[in-house]
Amino acid sequence: MELIDPHQTLSLARGFRLRWEPHLACPVLQHAGGVIELNASAGWVLELLDGQRSVAAVIARLAQRFPGVNGLDEDVLAFLEVARAKCWVE
């Protein structure tokens, strides 16, 4: 599988919807087969994937939100690789 290019744009895959689940107190990905509980970091990344913004722009936005976090870009890219492998993003 090809690595994610920071210049590409991604969005949630068809059939997935990101939302906050108050009963679980966490973001979730809702799909026809059920609900996937996410941690806060995953929710922050996925909420920025709009199909318009590049992965690099998502990373830059998160770096503004969380200044001084070392390895943020590598962490985001690694998470997006997993999310793509699980067909959550396209």
Protein backbone atom coordinates (compact mmCIF):
# COMPACT_ATOMS: atom_id res chain seq x y z
CA MET A 1 0.00 0.00 0.00
CA GLU A 2 1.21 3.49 -0.85
CA LEU A 3 2.08 5.83 2.00
CA ILE A 4 -0.14 8.83 2.48
CA ASP A 5 1.19 11.90 0.70
CA PRO A 6 0.90 15.00 2.91
CA HIS A 7 -0.25 16.98 -0.16
CA GLN A 8 -3.25 14.76 -0.81
CA THR A 9 -6.72 15.43 0.53
CA LEU A 10 -8.74 12.88 2.45
CA SER A 11 -12.28 12.67 3.75
CA LEU A 12 -14.33 10.21 5.72
CA ALA A 13 -15.27 7.23 3.60
CA ARG A 14 -18.84 6.96 2.36
CA GLY A 15 -21.14 5.61 4.99
CA PHE A 16 -19.13 6.95 7.93
CA ARG A 17 -20.17 9.87 10.09
CA LEU A 18 -18.12 11.40 12.89
CA ARG A 19 -20.05 12.55 15.90
CA TRP A 20 -19.72 13.11 19.63
CA GLU A 21 -21.33 10.41 21.75
CA PRO A 22 -22.35 11.99 25.08
CA HIS A 23 -23.08 8.65 26.78
CA LEU A 24 -19.56 7.42 26.01
CA ALA A 25 -17.98 10.88 26.38
CA CYS A 26 -15.90 10.36 23.26
CA PRO A 27 -16.01 10.87 19.51
CA VAL A 28 -17.33 7.95 17.48
CA LEU A 29 -17.47 6.92 13.86
CA GLN A 30 -20.98 5.80 13.06
CA HIS A 31 -21.57 3.43 10.14
CA ALA A 32 -24.13 0.87 9.02
CA GLY A 33 -22.37 -1.89 10.96
CA GLY A 34 -22.27 -0.02 14.25
CA VAL A 35 -20.19 2.50 16.11
CA ILE A 36 -16.42 2.77 16.50
CA GLU A 37 -15.24 4.52 19.67
CA LEU A 38 -12.32 6.88 19.09
CA ASN A 39 -9.92 8.69 21.36
CA ALA A 40 -9.89 12.49 21.35
CA SER A 41 -6.81 12.72 19.11
CA ALA A 42 -8.41 10.57 16.42
CA GLY A 43 -11.54 12.70 16.59
CA TRP A 44 -9.53 15.91 16.16
CA VAL A 45 -7.80 14.54 13.08
CA LEU A 46 -10.93 13.13 11.47
CA GLU A 47 -12.99 16.27 12.06
CA LEU A 48 -10.49 18.21 9.92
CA LEU A 49 -10.70 15.83 6.95
CA ASP A 50 -13.12 17.60 4.65
CA GLY A 51 -11.90 16.53 1.22
CA GLN A 52 -10.69 20.09 0.61
CA ARG A 53 -7.86 20.47 3.11
CA SER A 54 -4.58 18.64 2.46
CA VAL A 55 -3.14 16.29 5.04
CA ALA A 56 -0.31 18.83 5.50
CA ALA A 57 -2.91 21.54 6.23
CA VAL A 58 -4.58 19.25 8.77
CA ILE A 59 -1.22 18.73 10.47
CA ALA A 60 -0.54 22.48 10.43
CA ARG A 61 -3.93 23.19 11.97
CA LEU A 62 -3.33 20.64 14.72
CA ALA A 63 0.15 22.07 15.34
CA GLN A 64 -1.48 25.47 15.92
CA ARG A 65 -3.99 23.92 18.28
CA PHE A 66 -1.33 21.93 20.15
CA PRO A 67 1.93 23.90 19.90
CA GLY A 68 5.18 22.22 20.87
CA VAL A 69 4.01 18.62 20.42
CA ASN A 70 7.00 16.70 19.09
CA GLY A 71 6.33 14.15 16.37
CA LEU A 72 2.82 15.42 15.65
CA ASP A 73 3.21 15.04 11.89
CA GLU A 74 4.46 11.45 12.17
CA ASP A 75 1.64 10.56 14.58
CA VAL A 76 -1.04 12.02 12.32
CA LEU A 77 0.36 10.27 9.24
CA ALA A 78 0.59 6.96 11.12
CA PHE A 79 -3.01 7.30 12.33
CA LEU A 80 -4.22 8.13 8.83
CA GLU A 81 -2.45 5.04 7.47
CA VAL A 82 -4.38 2.92 9.98
CA ALA A 83 -7.64 4.76 9.24
CA ARG A 84 -7.19 4.20 5.52
CA ALA A 85 -6.34 0.52 6.04
CA LYS A 86 -9.58 0.17 8.02
CA CYS A 87 -11.45 1.98 5.19
CA TRP A 88 -12.51 4.85 7.44
CA VAL A 89 -11.02 7.48 5.09
CA GLU A 90 -10.57 7.79 1.36
